[in-house]
Amino acid sequence: DIDEARMARRLASGKAGYLRRRILPEEANKVFALGEIALEI
């Protein structure tokens, strides 16, 4: 459901903050598997 282009701009801006306030455990595992330290859970 996310806007891919908007998310890319958000990441490129270098501005810290929440991307999503509620994610499921299985979704958290998939984000962790991306290997990006800057994407905190």
PDB file of all heavy atoms in Angstrom:
ATOM      1  N   ASP A   1       0.796  -1.218   0.000  1.00  0.00           N
ATOM      2  CA  ASP A   1       0.000   0.000   0.000  1.00  0.00           C
ATOM      3  C   ASP A   1       0.834   1.276   0.000  1.00  0.00           C
ATOM      4  O   ASP A   1       0.283   2.375  -0.101  1.00  0.00           O
ATOM      5  CB  ASP A   1      -0.933   0.015   1.212  1.00  0.00           C
ATOM      6  CG  ASP A   1      -0.180  -0.037   2.533  1.00  0.00           C
ATOM      7  OD1 ASP A   1       0.829  -0.751   2.600  1.00  0.00           O
ATOM      8  OD2 ASP A   1      -0.612   0.638   3.486  1.00  0.00           O
ATOM      9  N   ILE A   2       2.167   1.179   0.110  1.00  0.00           N
ATOM     10  CA  ILE A   2       2.972   2.393   0.163  1.00  0.00           C
ATOM     11  C   ILE A   2       3.147   2.997  -1.225  1.00  0.00           C
ATOM     12  O   ILE A   2       3.033   2.306  -2.243  1.00  0.00           O
ATOM     13  CB  ILE A   2       4.359   2.138   0.797  1.00  0.00           C
ATOM     14  CG1 ILE A   2       5.216   1.263  -0.111  1.00  0.00           C
ATOM     15  CG2 ILE A   2       4.241   1.557   2.181  1.00  0.00           C
ATOM     16  CD1 ILE A   2       6.664   1.163   0.352  1.00  0.00           C
ATOM     17  N   ASP A   3       3.433   4.288  -1.261  1.00  0.00           N
ATOM     18  CA  ASP A   3       3.736   4.995  -2.509  1.00  0.00           C
ATOM     19  C   ASP A   3       5.246   4.861  -2.745  1.00  0.00           C
ATOM     20  O   ASP A   3       6.048   5.457  -2.026  1.00  0.00           O
ATOM     21  CB  ASP A   3       3.325   6.453  -2.374  1.00  0.00           C
ATOM     22  CG  ASP A   3       3.480   7.237  -3.674  1.00  0.00           C
ATOM     23  OD1 ASP A   3       4.440   6.945  -4.423  1.00  0.00           O
ATOM     24  OD2 ASP A   3       2.680   8.142  -3.925  1.00  0.00           O
ATOM     25  N   GLU A   4       5.620   4.058  -3.750  1.00  0.00           N
ATOM     26  CA  GLU A   4       7.040   3.752  -3.969  1.00  0.00           C
ATOM     27  C   GLU A   4       7.859   5.004  -4.265  1.00  0.00           C
ATOM     28  O   GLU A   4       8.954   5.203  -3.716  1.00  0.00           O
ATOM     29  CB  GLU A   4       7.168   2.748  -5.112  1.00  0.00           C
ATOM     30  CG  GLU A   4       8.597   2.289  -5.358  1.00  0.00           C
ATOM     31  CD  GLU A   4       8.686   1.254  -6.464  1.00  0.00           C
ATOM     32  OE1 GLU A   4       7.653   0.593  -6.746  1.00  0.00           O
ATOM     33  OE2 GLU A   4       9.774   1.113  -7.061  1.00  0.00           O
ATOM     34  N   ALA A   5       7.360   5.871  -5.125  1.00  0.00           N
ATOM     35  CA  ALA A   5       8.102   7.081  -5.486  1.00  0.00           C
ATOM     36  C   ALA A   5       8.261   7.999  -4.277  1.00  0.00           C
ATOM     37  O   ALA A   5       9.338   8.573  -4.050  1.00  0.00           O
ATOM     38  CB  ALA A   5       7.376   7.813  -6.613  1.00  0.00           C
ATOM     39  N   ARG A   6       7.195   8.109  -3.501  1.00  0.00           N
ATOM     40  CA  ARG A   6       7.266   8.963  -2.308  1.00  0.00           C
ATOM     41  C   ARG A   6       8.241   8.386  -1.291  1.00  0.00           C
ATOM     42  O   ARG A   6       8.990   9.128  -0.650  1.00  0.00           O
ATOM     43  CB  ARG A   6       5.871   9.086  -1.703  1.00  0.00           C
ATOM     44  CG  ARG A   6       5.792  10.046  -0.534  1.00  0.00           C
ATOM     45  CD  ARG A   6       4.369  10.174  -0.049  1.00  0.00           C
ATOM     46  NE  ARG A   6       4.264  11.070   1.072  1.00  0.00           N
ATOM     47  CZ  ARG A   6       3.134  11.325   1.724  1.00  0.00           C
ATOM     48  NH1 ARG A   6       2.009  10.746   1.322  1.00  0.00           N
ATOM     49  NH2 ARG A   6       3.124  12.154   2.747  1.00  0.00           N
ATOM     50  N   MET A   7       8.246   7.069  -1.144  1.00  0.00           N
ATOM     51  CA  MET A   7       9.175   6.431  -0.218  1.00  0.00           C
ATOM     52  C   MET A   7      10.617   6.642  -0.665  1.00  0.00           C
ATOM     53  O   MET A   7      11.517   6.898   0.166  1.00  0.00           O
ATOM     54  CB  MET A   7       8.861   4.930  -0.116  1.00  0.00           C
ATOM     55  CG  MET A   7       9.782   4.165   0.825  1.00  0.00           C
ATOM     56  SD  MET A   7       9.675   4.704   2.553  1.00  0.00           S
ATOM     57  CE  MET A   7       8.047   4.069   2.986  1.00  0.00           C
ATOM     58  N   ALA A   8      10.881   6.556  -1.963  1.00  0.00           N
ATOM     59  CA  ALA A   8      12.231   6.782  -2.468  1.00  0.00           C
ATOM     60  C   ALA A   8      12.699   8.203  -2.164  1.00  0.00           C
ATOM     61  O   ALA A   8      13.854   8.425  -1.770  1.00  0.00           O
ATOM     62  CB  ALA A   8      12.277   6.508  -3.973  1.00  0.00           C
ATOM     63  N   ARG A   9      11.800   9.171  -2.352  1.00  0.00           N
ATOM     64  CA  ARG A   9      12.154  10.554  -2.035  1.00  0.00           C
ATOM     65  C   ARG A   9      12.419  10.730  -0.547  1.00  0.00           C
ATOM     66  O   ARG A   9      13.329  11.468  -0.152  1.00  0.00           O
ATOM     67  CB  ARG A   9      11.031  11.497  -2.488  1.00  0.00           C
ATOM     68  CG  ARG A   9      10.892  11.619  -4.001  1.00  0.00           C
ATOM     69  CD  ARG A   9      10.013  12.792  -4.389  1.00  0.00           C
ATOM     70  NE  ARG A   9       8.661  12.669  -3.850  1.00  0.00           N
ATOM     71  CZ  ARG A   9       7.656  12.075  -4.482  1.00  0.00           C
ATOM     72  NH1 ARG A   9       7.862  11.515  -5.687  1.00  0.00           N
ATOM     73  NH2 ARG A   9       6.461  12.026  -3.945  1.00  0.00           N
ATOM     74  N   ARG A  10      11.644  10.059   0.245  1.00  0.00           N
ATOM     75  CA  ARG A  10      11.823  10.163   1.706  1.00  0.00           C
ATOM     76  C   ARG A  10      13.185   9.620   2.125  1.00  0.00           C
ATOM     77  O   ARG A  10      13.901  10.213   2.939  1.00  0.00           O
ATOM     78  CB  ARG A  10      10.693   9.391   2.404  1.00  0.00           C
ATOM     79  CG  ARG A  10      10.835   9.288   3.919  1.00  0.00           C
ATOM     80  CD  ARG A  10      10.583  10.614   4.601  1.00  0.00           C
ATOM     81  NE  ARG A  10      10.813  10.533   6.030  1.00  0.00           N
ATOM     82  CZ  ARG A  10       9.925  10.083   6.913  1.00  0.00           C
ATOM     83  NH1 ARG A  10       8.740   9.671   6.517  1.00  0.00           N
ATOM     84  NH2 ARG A  10      10.215  10.074   8.203  1.00  0.00           N
ATOM     85  N   LEU A  11      13.567   8.488   1.576  1.00  0.00           N
ATOM     86  CA  LEU A  11      14.861   7.889   1.919  1.00  0.00           C
ATOM     87  C   LEU A  11      16.007   8.740   1.391  1.00  0.00           C
ATOM     88  O   LEU A  11      17.054   8.866   2.040  1.00  0.00           O
ATOM     89  CB  LEU A  11      14.937   6.471   1.353  1.00  0.00           C
ATOM     90  CG  LEU A  11      13.933   5.456   1.931  1.00  0.00           C
ATOM     91  CD1 LEU A  11      14.017   4.139   1.166  1.00  0.00           C
ATOM     92  CD2 LEU A  11      14.183   5.219   3.415  1.00  0.00           C
ATOM     93  N   ALA A  12      15.821   9.317   0.221  1.00  0.00           N
ATOM     94  CA  ALA A  12      16.883  10.137  -0.369  1.00  0.00           C
ATOM     95  C   ALA A  12      17.078  11.448   0.381  1.00  0.00           C
ATOM     96  O   ALA A  12      18.156  12.043   0.341  1.00  0.00           O
ATOM     97  CB  ALA A  12      16.562  10.412  -1.832  1.00  0.00           C
ATOM     98  N   SER A  13      16.047  11.900   1.067  1.00  0.00           N
ATOM     99  CA  SER A  13      16.133  13.174   1.775  1.00  0.00           C
ATOM    100  C   SER A  13      17.070  13.120   2.973  1.00  0.00           C
ATOM    101  O   SER A  13      17.552  14.151   3.440  1.00  0.00           O
ATOM    102  CB  SER A  13      14.738  13.613   2.232  1.00  0.00           C
ATOM    103  OG  SER A  13      14.274  12.774   3.290  1.00  0.00           O
ATOM    104  N   GLY A  14      17.288  11.894   3.475  1.00  0.00           N
ATOM    105  CA  GLY A  14      18.150  11.760   4.641  1.00  0.00           C
ATOM    106  C   GLY A  14      17.517  12.245   5.928  1.00  0.00           C
ATOM    107  O   GLY A  14      18.206  12.434   6.943  1.00  0.00           O
ATOM    108  N   LYS A  15      16.209  12.423   5.928  1.00  0.00           N
ATOM    109  CA  LYS A  15      15.497  12.894   7.110  1.00  0.00           C
ATOM    110  C   LYS A  15      15.059  11.724   7.965  1.00  0.00           C
ATOM    111  O   LYS A  15      14.383  10.802   7.501  1.00  0.00           O
ATOM    112  CB  LYS A  15      14.284  13.717   6.686  1.00  0.00           C
ATOM    113  CG  LYS A  15      13.521  14.335   7.841  1.00  0.00           C
ATOM    114  CD  LYS A  15      12.352  15.152   7.325  1.00  0.00           C
ATOM    115  CE  LYS A  15      11.554  15.749   8.475  1.00  0.00           C
ATOM    116  NZ  LYS A  15      10.388  16.531   7.980  1.00  0.00           N
ATOM    117  N   ALA A  16      15.444  11.732   9.247  1.00  0.00           N
ATOM    118  CA  ALA A  16      15.086  10.651  10.156  1.00  0.00           C
ATOM    119  C   ALA A  16      13.605  10.719  10.505  1.00  0.00           C
ATOM    120  O   ALA A  16      12.997  11.791  10.507  1.00  0.00           O
ATOM    121  CB  ALA A  16      15.928  10.731  11.423  1.00  0.00           C
ATOM    122  N   GLY A  17      13.030   9.562  10.797  1.00  0.00           N
ATOM    123  CA  GLY A  17      11.639   9.520  11.223  1.00  0.00           C
ATOM    124  C   GLY A  17      11.005   8.181  10.943  1.00  0.00           C
ATOM    125  O   GLY A  17      11.609   7.283  10.332  1.00  0.00           O
ATOM    126  N   TYR A  18       9.754   8.047  11.398  1.00  0.00           N
ATOM    127  CA  TYR A  18       9.027   6.795  11.212  1.00  0.00           C
ATOM    128  C   TYR A  18       8.539   6.670   9.773  1.00  0.00           C
ATOM    129  O   TYR A  18       8.032   7.629   9.188  1.00  0.00           O
ATOM    130  CB  TYR A  18       7.823   6.722  12.156  1.00  0.00           C
ATOM    131  CG  TYR A  18       8.201   6.427  13.589  1.00  0.00           C
ATOM    132  CD1 TYR A  18       8.352   7.452  14.521  1.00  0.00           C
ATOM    133  CD2 TYR A  18       8.394   5.116  14.009  1.00  0.00           C
ATOM    134  CE1 TYR A  18       8.696   7.177  15.836  1.00  0.00           C
ATOM    135  CE2 TYR A  18       8.739   4.833  15.312  1.00  0.00           C
ATOM    136  CZ  TYR A  18       8.892   5.864  16.225  1.00  0.00           C
ATOM    137  OH  TYR A  18       9.237   5.582  17.526  1.00  0.00           O
ATOM    138  N   LEU A  19       8.693   5.478   9.231  1.00  0.00           N
ATOM    139  CA  LEU A  19       8.141   5.163   7.922  1.00  0.00           C
ATOM    140  C   LEU A  19       6.783   4.483   8.062  1.00  0.00           C
ATOM    141  O   LEU A  19       5.895   4.681   7.243  1.00  0.00           O
ATOM    142  CB  LEU A  19       9.104   4.272   7.137  1.00  0.00           C
ATOM    143  CG  LEU A  19      10.516   4.835   6.923  1.00  0.00           C
ATOM    144  CD1 LEU A  19      11.368   3.843   6.151  1.00  0.00           C
ATOM    145  CD2 LEU A  19      10.455   6.180   6.215  1.00  0.00           C
ATOM    146  N   ARG A  20       6.632   3.656   9.095  1.00  0.00           N
ATOM    147  CA  ARG A  20       5.356   3.025   9.432  1.00  0.00           C
ATOM    148  C   ARG A  20       5.324   2.815  10.937  1.00  0.00           C
ATOM    149  O   ARG A  20       6.320   2.414  11.530  1.00  0.00           O
ATOM    150  CB  ARG A  20       5.176   1.670   8.722  1.00  0.00           C
ATOM    151  CG  ARG A  20       4.964   1.773   7.235  1.00  0.00           C
ATOM    152  CD  ARG A  20       4.805   0.401   6.620  1.00  0.00           C
ATOM    153  NE  ARG A  20       3.469  -0.133   6.757  1.00  0.00           N
ATOM    154  CZ  ARG A  20       2.500   0.030   5.871  1.00  0.00           C
ATOM    155  NH1 ARG A  20       2.702   0.735   4.773  1.00  0.00           N
ATOM    156  NH2 ARG A  20       1.320  -0.504   6.065  1.00  0.00           N
ATOM    157  N   ARG A  21       4.147   3.073  11.551  1.00  0.00           N
ATOM    158  CA  ARG A  21       4.065   2.946  13.004  1.00  0.00           C
ATOM    159  C   ARG A  21       3.630   1.559  13.460  1.00  0.00           C
ATOM    160  O   ARG A  21       3.781   1.225  14.610  1.00  0.00           O
ATOM    161  CB  ARG A  21       3.083   3.981  13.565  1.00  0.00           C
ATOM    162  CG  ARG A  21       3.562   5.407  13.476  1.00  0.00           C
ATOM    163  CD  ARG A  21       4.909   5.586  14.124  1.00  0.00           C
ATOM    164  NE  ARG A  21       4.932   5.272  15.524  1.00  0.00           N
ATOM    165  CZ  ARG A  21       4.906   6.162  16.504  1.00  0.00           C
ATOM    166  NH1 ARG A  21       4.865   7.437  16.217  1.00  0.00           N
ATOM    167  NH2 ARG A  21       4.948   5.785  17.769  1.00  0.00           N
ATOM    168  N   ARG A  22       3.092   0.775  12.583  1.00  0.00           N
ATOM    169  CA  ARG A  22       2.651  -0.559  13.004  1.00  0.00           C
ATOM    170  C   ARG A  22       2.946  -1.565  11.896  1.00  0.00           C
ATOM    171  O   ARG A  22       2.397  -1.462  10.802  1.00  0.00           O
ATOM    172  CB  ARG A  22       1.154  -0.558  13.309  1.00  0.00           C
ATOM    173  CG  ARG A  22       0.637  -1.916  13.753  1.00  0.00           C
ATOM    174  CD  ARG A  22      -0.852  -1.879  13.970  1.00  0.00           C
ATOM    175  NE  ARG A  22      -1.221  -1.006  15.069  1.00  0.00           N
ATOM    176  CZ  ARG A  22      -2.460  -0.575  15.284  1.00  0.00           C
ATOM    177  NH1 ARG A  22      -3.428  -0.926  14.460  1.00  0.00           N
ATOM    178  NH2 ARG A  22      -2.732   0.207  16.304  1.00  0.00           N
ATOM    179  N   ILE A  23       3.828  -2.532  12.192  1.00  0.00           N
ATOM    180  CA  ILE A  23       4.107  -3.595  11.228  1.00  0.00           C
ATOM    181  C   ILE A  23       4.038  -4.932  11.944  1.00  0.00           C
ATOM    182  O   ILE A  23       4.269  -5.034  13.154  1.00  0.00           O
ATOM    183  CB  ILE A  23       5.488  -3.411  10.551  1.00  0.00           C
ATOM    184  CG1 ILE A  23       6.628  -3.538  11.575  1.00  0.00           C
ATOM    185  CG2 ILE A  23       5.561  -2.074   9.832  1.00  0.00           C
ATOM    186  CD1 ILE A  23       8.005  -3.484  10.943  1.00  0.00           C
ATOM    187  N   LEU A  24       3.728  -5.962  11.194  1.00  0.00           N
ATOM    188  CA  LEU A  24       3.607  -7.308  11.743  1.00  0.00           C
ATOM    189  C   LEU A  24       4.983  -7.937  11.942  1.00  0.00           C
ATOM    190  O   LEU A  24       5.966  -7.532  11.293  1.00  0.00           O
ATOM    191  CB  LEU A  24       2.771  -8.177  10.807  1.00  0.00           C
ATOM    192  CG  LEU A  24       1.325  -7.708  10.569  1.00  0.00           C
ATOM    193  CD1 LEU A  24       0.674  -8.562   9.490  1.00  0.00           C
ATOM    194  CD2 LEU A  24       0.526  -7.754  11.859  1.00  0.00           C
ATOM    195  N   PRO A  25       5.085  -8.937  12.826  1.00  0.00           N
ATOM    196  CA  PRO A  25       6.377  -9.590  13.044  1.00  0.00           C
ATOM    197  C   PRO A  25       6.988 -10.157  11.757  1.00  0.00           C
ATOM    198  O   PRO A  25       8.194 -10.051  11.534  1.00  0.00           O
ATOM    199  CB  PRO A  25       6.040 -10.699  14.045  1.00  0.00           C
ATOM    200  CG  PRO A  25       4.860 -10.184  14.789  1.00  0.00           C
ATOM    201  CD  PRO A  25       4.070  -9.406  13.779  1.00  0.00           C
ATOM    202  N   GLU A  26       6.158 -10.747  10.902  1.00  0.00           N
ATOM    203  CA  GLU A  26       6.684 -11.313   9.659  1.00  0.00           C
ATOM    204  C   GLU A  26       7.181 -10.205   8.718  1.00  0.00           C
ATOM    205  O   GLU A  26       8.144 -10.399   7.970  1.00  0.00           O
ATOM    206  CB  GLU A  26       5.643 -12.188   8.960  1.00  0.00           C
ATOM    207  CG  GLU A  26       4.313 -11.521   8.678  1.00  0.00           C
ATOM    208  CD  GLU A  26       3.295 -11.754   9.784  1.00  0.00           C
ATOM    209  OE1 GLU A  26       3.705 -11.901  10.957  1.00  0.00           O
ATOM    210  OE2 GLU A  26       2.083 -11.783   9.470  1.00  0.00           O
ATOM    211  N   GLU A  27       6.522  -9.050   8.756  1.00  0.00           N
ATOM    212  CA  GLU A  27       6.983  -7.924   7.964  1.00  0.00           C
ATOM    213  C   GLU A  27       8.309  -7.384   8.513  1.00  0.00           C
ATOM    214  O   GLU A  27       9.204  -7.001   7.749  1.00  0.00           O
ATOM    215  CB  GLU A  27       5.925  -6.818   7.971  1.00  0.00           C
ATOM    216  CG  GLU A  27       4.631  -7.196   7.241  1.00  0.00           C
ATOM    217  CD  GLU A  27       3.523  -6.195   7.446  1.00  0.00           C
ATOM    218  OE1 GLU A  27       3.538  -5.488   8.474  1.00  0.00           O
ATOM    219  OE2 GLU A  27       2.621  -6.116   6.584  1.00  0.00           O
ATOM    220  N   ALA A  28       8.430  -7.373   9.839  1.00  0.00           N
ATOM    221  CA  ALA A  28       9.676  -6.928  10.466  1.00  0.00           C
ATOM    222  C   ALA A  28      10.837  -7.834  10.054  1.00  0.00           C
ATOM    223  O   ALA A  28      11.955  -7.363   9.786  1.00  0.00           O
ATOM    224  CB  ALA A  28       9.515  -6.907  11.982  1.00  0.00           C
ATOM    225  N   ASN A  29      10.592  -9.135   9.980  1.00  0.00           N
ATOM    226  CA  ASN A  29      11.635 -10.076   9.563  1.00  0.00           C
ATOM    227  C   ASN A  29      12.085  -9.811   8.125  1.00  0.00           C
ATOM    228  O   ASN A  29      13.280  -9.900   7.806  1.00  0.00           O
ATOM    229  CB  ASN A  29      11.134 -11.516   9.701  1.00  0.00           C
ATOM    230  CG  ASN A  29      10.976 -11.930  11.151  1.00  0.00           C
ATOM    231  OD1 ASN A  29      11.654 -11.401  12.033  1.00  0.00           O
ATOM    232  ND2 ASN A  29      10.086 -12.886  11.415  1.00  0.00           N
ATOM    233  N   LYS A  30      11.134  -9.483   7.265  1.00  0.00           N
ATOM    234  CA  LYS A  30      11.483  -9.212   5.870  1.00  0.00           C
ATOM    235  C   LYS A  30      12.293  -7.929   5.739  1.00  0.00           C
ATOM    236  O   LYS A  30      13.232  -7.852   4.932  1.00  0.00           O
ATOM    237  CB  LYS A  30      10.209  -9.130   5.024  1.00  0.00           C
ATOM    238  CG  LYS A  30       9.464 -10.453   4.885  1.00  0.00           C
ATOM    239  CD  LYS A  30       8.182 -10.280   4.076  1.00  0.00           C
ATOM    240  CE  LYS A  30       7.425 -11.600   3.968  1.00  0.00           C
ATOM    241  NZ  LYS A  30       6.156 -11.443   3.211  1.00  0.00           N
ATOM    242  N   VAL A  31      11.939  -6.914   6.531  1.00  0.00           N
ATOM    243  CA  VAL A  31      12.708  -5.667   6.507  1.00  0.00           C
ATOM    244  C   VAL A  31      14.118  -5.924   7.031  1.00  0.00           C
ATOM    245  O   VAL A  31      15.109  -5.439   6.476  1.00  0.00           O
ATOM    246  CB  VAL A  31      12.009  -4.580   7.348  1.00  0.00           C
ATOM    247  CG1 VAL A  31      12.901  -3.340   7.475  1.00  0.00           C
ATOM    248  CG2 VAL A  31      10.672  -4.197   6.717  1.00  0.00           C
ATOM    249  N   PHE A  32      14.236  -6.713   8.075  1.00  0.00           N
ATOM    250  CA  PHE A  32      15.547  -7.036   8.640  1.00  0.00           C
ATOM    251  C   PHE A  32      16.417  -7.764   7.615  1.00  0.00           C
ATOM    252  O   PHE A  32      17.631  -7.563   7.536  1.00  0.00           O
ATOM    253  CB  PHE A  32      15.360  -7.901   9.889  1.00  0.00           C
ATOM    254  CG  PHE A  32      16.637  -8.229  10.606  1.00  0.00           C
ATOM    255  CD1 PHE A  32      17.274  -7.283  11.396  1.00  0.00           C
ATOM    256  CD2 PHE A  32      17.217  -9.484  10.472  1.00  0.00           C
ATOM    257  CE1 PHE A  32      18.451  -7.593  12.051  1.00  0.00           C
ATOM    258  CE2 PHE A  32      18.396  -9.798  11.109  1.00  0.00           C
ATOM    259  CZ  PHE A  32      19.023  -8.839  11.912  1.00  0.00           C
ATOM    260  N   ALA A  33      15.766  -8.595   6.804  1.00  0.00           N
ATOM    261  CA  ALA A  33      16.505  -9.367   5.801  1.00  0.00           C
ATOM    262  C   ALA A  33      17.067  -8.484   4.683  1.00  0.00           C
ATOM    263  O   ALA A  33      17.943  -8.929   3.930  1.00  0.00           O
ATOM    264  CB  ALA A  33      15.598 -10.443   5.203  1.00  0.00           C
ATOM    265  N   LEU A  34      16.599  -7.240   4.564  1.00  0.00           N
ATOM    266  CA  LEU A  34      17.145  -6.340   3.549  1.00  0.00           C
ATOM    267  C   LEU A  34      18.585  -5.941   3.854  1.00  0.00           C
ATOM    268  O   LEU A  34      19.313  -5.509   2.962  1.00  0.00           O
ATOM    269  CB  LEU A  34      16.278  -5.072   3.440  1.00  0.00           C
ATOM    270  CG  LEU A  34      14.812  -5.274   3.004  1.00  0.00           C
ATOM    271  CD1 LEU A  34      14.094  -3.935   2.934  1.00  0.00           C
ATOM    272  CD2 LEU A  34      14.731  -5.977   1.656  1.00  0.00           C
ATOM    273  N   GLY A  35      18.981  -6.058   5.110  1.00  0.00           N
ATOM    274  CA  GLY A  35      20.358  -5.780   5.488  1.00  0.00           C
ATOM    275  C   GLY A  35      20.719  -4.313   5.551  1.00  0.00           C
ATOM    276  O   GLY A  35      21.905  -3.971   5.478  1.00  0.00           O
ATOM    277  N   GLU A  36      19.753  -3.450   5.670  1.00  0.00           N
ATOM    278  CA  GLU A  36      20.008  -2.008   5.754  1.00  0.00           C
ATOM    279  C   GLU A  36      19.957  -1.576   7.215  1.00  0.00           C
ATOM    280  O   GLU A  36      18.894  -1.577   7.847  1.00  0.00           O
ATOM    281  CB  GLU A  36      18.981  -1.228   4.931  1.00  0.00           C
ATOM    282  CG  GLU A  36      19.084  -1.437   3.438  1.00  0.00           C
ATOM    283  CD  GLU A  36      20.323  -0.776   2.834  1.00  0.00           C
ATOM    284  OE1 GLU A  36      20.967   0.047   3.536  1.00  0.00           O
ATOM    285  OE2 GLU A  36      20.649  -1.071   1.671  1.00  0.00           O
ATOM    286  N   ILE A  37      21.100  -1.190   7.760  1.00  0.00           N
ATOM    287  CA  ILE A  37      21.174  -0.818   9.169  1.00  0.00           C
ATOM    288  C   ILE A  37      20.325   0.406   9.463  1.00  0.00           C
ATOM    289  O   ILE A  37      19.771   0.554  10.557  1.00  0.00           O
ATOM    290  CB  ILE A  37      22.646  -0.569   9.574  1.00  0.00           C
ATOM    291  CG1 ILE A  37      23.454  -1.863   9.408  1.00  0.00           C
ATOM    292  CG2 ILE A  37      22.748  -0.055  10.992  1.00  0.00           C
ATOM    293  CD1 ILE A  37      24.922  -1.706   9.728  1.00  0.00           C
ATOM    294  N   ALA A  38      20.181   1.306   8.493  1.00  0.00           N
ATOM    295  CA  ALA A  38      19.414   2.528   8.712  1.00  0.00           C
ATOM    296  C   ALA A  38      17.915   2.279   8.846  1.00  0.00           C
ATOM    297  O   ALA A  38      17.183   3.150   9.318  1.00  0.00           O
ATOM    298  CB  ALA A  38      19.664   3.511   7.575  1.00  0.00           C
ATOM    299  N   LEU A  39      17.460   1.100   8.430  1.00  0.00           N
ATOM    300  CA  LEU A  39      16.041   0.751   8.588  1.00  0.00           C
ATOM    301  C   LEU A  39      15.898   0.028   9.925  1.00  0.00           C
ATOM    302  O   LEU A  39      16.116  -1.175  10.036  1.00  0.00           O
ATOM    303  CB  LEU A  39      15.559  -0.123   7.429  1.00  0.00           C
ATOM    304  CG  LEU A  39      15.584   0.521   6.044  1.00  0.00           C
ATOM    305  CD1 LEU A  39      15.076  -0.463   4.997  1.00  0.00           C
ATOM    306  CD2 LEU A  39      14.752   1.804   6.028  1.00  0.00           C
ATOM    307  N   GLU A  40      15.560   0.786  10.944  1.00  0.00           N
ATOM    308  CA  GLU A  40      15.452   0.233  12.291  1.00  0.00           C
ATOM    309  C   GLU A  40      14.040  -0.266  12.558  1.00  0.00           C
ATOM    310  O   GLU A  40      13.063   0.250  12.000  1.00  0.00           O
ATOM    311  CB  GLU A  40      15.823   1.294  13.322  1.00  0.00           C
ATOM    312  CG  GLU A  40      17.266   1.766  13.208  1.00  0.00           C
ATOM    313  CD  GLU A  40      17.618   2.825  14.216  1.00  0.00           C
ATOM    314  OE1 GLU A  40      16.689   3.505  14.733  1.00  0.00           O
ATOM    315  OE2 GLU A  40      18.828   2.994  14.497  1.00  0.00           O
ATOM    316  N   ILE A  41      13.960  -1.260  13.422  1.00  0.00           N
ATOM    317  CA  ILE A  41      12.663  -1.854  13.757  1.00  0.00           C
ATOM    318  C   ILE A  41      12.504  -1.807  15.278  1.00  0.00           C
ATOM    319  O   ILE A  41      12.689  -2.818  15.969  1.00  0.00           O
ATOM    320  CB  ILE A  41      12.554  -3.301  13.243  1.00  0.00           C
ATOM    321  CG1 ILE A  41      12.907  -3.348  11.759  1.00  0.00           C
ATOM    322  CG2 ILE A  41      11.151  -3.860  13.462  1.00  0.00           C
ATOM    323  CD1 ILE A  41      13.025  -4.739  11.207  1.00  0.00           C
TER     324      ILE A  41
END
